[in-house]
């Protein structure tokens, strides 16, 4: 596993997120990523299968992207 694929516990920034999305074949701009994250954070708690939205955005998400 390369360092890029390693899961981190701290957000690594927009550029790192962009690289991980690109690696997963997802091409979106920074504004779209921000809106997506805001939407996920606004979801009511508790959510069954809270990480399921990741598959909608990036079906081939690496563990690092899913983290």
C-alpha atoms as a PDB file:
ATOM      1  CA  UNK A   1       0.000   0.000   0.000  1.00  0.00           C
ATOM      2  CA  UNK A   2       1.385   3.391  -0.932  1.00  0.00           C
ATOM      3  CA  UNK A   3       1.274   6.354   1.486  1.00  0.00           C
ATOM      4  CA  UNK A   4      -1.462   7.874  -0.700  1.00  0.00           C
ATOM      5  CA  UNK A   5      -3.655   4.832  -0.077  1.00  0.00           C
ATOM      6  CA  UNK A   6      -3.120   4.812   3.668  1.00  0.00           C
ATOM      7  CA  UNK A   7      -6.106   5.910   5.701  1.00  0.00           C
ATOM      8  CA  UNK A   8      -5.606   9.044   7.738  1.00  0.00           C
ATOM      9  CA  UNK A   9      -7.492  10.192  10.779  1.00  0.00           C
ATOM     10  CA  UNK A  10      -7.034  13.889   9.983  1.00  0.00           C
ATOM     11  CA  UNK A  11      -8.388  15.588   6.854  1.00  0.00           C
ATOM     12  CA  UNK A  12      -5.471  16.054   4.484  1.00  0.00           C
ATOM     13  CA  UNK A  13      -6.949  19.002   2.603  1.00  0.00           C
ATOM     14  CA  UNK A  14      -8.812  19.706  -0.593  1.00  0.00           C
ATOM     15  CA  UNK A  15      -5.860  18.928  -2.879  1.00  0.00           C
ATOM     16  CA  UNK A  16      -5.453  15.457  -1.359  1.00  0.00           C
ATOM     17  CA  UNK A  17      -9.189  14.813  -1.658  1.00  0.00           C
ATOM     18  CA  UNK A  18      -9.076  15.930  -5.287  1.00  0.00           C
ATOM     19  CA  UNK A  19      -6.209  13.526  -6.028  1.00  0.00           C
ATOM     20  CA  UNK A  20      -8.009  10.616  -4.364  1.00  0.00           C
ATOM     21  CA  UNK A  21     -11.220  11.339  -6.266  1.00  0.00           C
ATOM     22  CA  UNK A  22      -9.310  11.629  -9.529  1.00  0.00           C
ATOM     23  CA  UNK A  23      -7.546   8.334  -8.842  1.00  0.00           C
ATOM     24  CA  UNK A  24     -10.992   6.758  -8.345  1.00  0.00           C
ATOM     25  CA  UNK A  25     -12.132   8.132 -11.716  1.00  0.00           C
ATOM     26  CA  UNK A  26     -14.279  10.936 -10.303  1.00  0.00           C
ATOM     27  CA  UNK A  27     -13.780  14.300 -11.978  1.00  0.00           C
ATOM     28  CA  UNK A  28     -15.436  17.114 -10.026  1.00  0.00           C
ATOM     29  CA  UNK A  29     -14.409  20.640  -9.119  1.00  0.00           C
ATOM     30  CA  UNK A  30     -13.648  22.014  -5.668  1.00  0.00           C
ATOM     31  CA  UNK A  31     -17.040  23.737  -5.351  1.00  0.00           C
ATOM     32  CA  UNK A  32     -18.864  20.472  -6.010  1.00  0.00           C
ATOM     33  CA  UNK A  33     -16.724  18.659  -3.414  1.00  0.00           C
ATOM     34  CA  UNK A  34     -17.510  21.344  -0.838  1.00  0.00           C
ATOM     35  CA  UNK A  35     -21.259  21.110  -1.513  1.00  0.00           C
ATOM     36  CA  UNK A  36     -21.110  17.332  -1.241  1.00  0.00           C
ATOM     37  CA  UNK A  37     -19.298  17.415   2.091  1.00  0.00           C
ATOM     38  CA  UNK A  38     -21.707  20.041   3.443  1.00  0.00           C
ATOM     39  CA  UNK A  39     -24.631  17.839   2.416  1.00  0.00           C
ATOM     40  CA  UNK A  40     -23.167  14.776   4.092  1.00  0.00           C
ATOM     41  CA  UNK A  41     -22.487  16.719   7.285  1.00  0.00           C
ATOM     42  CA  UNK A  42     -26.053  18.089   7.266  1.00  0.00           C
ATOM     43  CA  UNK A  43     -27.605  14.605   7.187  1.00  0.00           C
ATOM     44  CA  UNK A  44     -29.599  13.723  10.302  1.00  0.00           C
ATOM     45  CA  UNK A  45     -28.068  11.368  12.833  1.00  0.00           C
ATOM     46  CA  UNK A  46     -28.155   8.446  13.213  1.00  0.00           C
ATOM     47  CA  UNK A  47     -28.015   7.272   9.625  1.00  0.00           C
ATOM     48  CA  UNK A  48     -28.133   3.580   8.848  1.00  0.00           C
ATOM     49  CA  UNK A  49     -25.161   2.681   6.661  1.00  0.00           C
ATOM     50  CA  UNK A  50     -23.735   6.177   7.033  1.00  0.00           C
ATOM     51  CA  UNK A  51     -20.908   5.589   4.539  1.00  0.00           C
ATOM     52  CA  UNK A  52     -23.133   4.288   1.748  1.00  0.00           C
ATOM     53  CA  UNK A  53     -23.112   7.685  -0.012  1.00  0.00           C
ATOM     54  CA  UNK A  54     -19.444   7.149  -0.865  1.00  0.00           C
ATOM     55  CA  UNK A  55     -20.396   4.430  -3.354  1.00  0.00           C
ATOM     56  CA  UNK A  56     -22.739   6.833  -5.108  1.00  0.00           C
ATOM     57  CA  UNK A  57     -19.919   9.302  -5.702  1.00  0.00           C
ATOM     58  CA  UNK A  58     -16.999   6.930  -6.224  1.00  0.00           C
ATOM     59  CA  UNK A  59     -17.984   3.288  -6.735  1.00  0.00           C
ATOM     60  CA  UNK A  60     -14.301   2.272  -6.796  1.00  0.00           C
ATOM     61  CA  UNK A  61     -13.270   4.337  -3.756  1.00  0.00           C
ATOM     62  CA  UNK A  62     -10.032   3.302  -2.119  1.00  0.00           C
ATOM     63  CA  UNK A  63      -9.939   2.893   1.656  1.00  0.00           C
ATOM     64  CA  UNK A  64      -8.088   6.218   1.833  1.00  0.00           C
ATOM     65  CA  UNK A  65     -10.850   7.985  -0.085  1.00  0.00           C
ATOM     66  CA  UNK A  66     -13.571   6.342   1.976  1.00  0.00           C
ATOM     67  CA  UNK A  67     -11.846   7.455   5.185  1.00  0.00           C
END
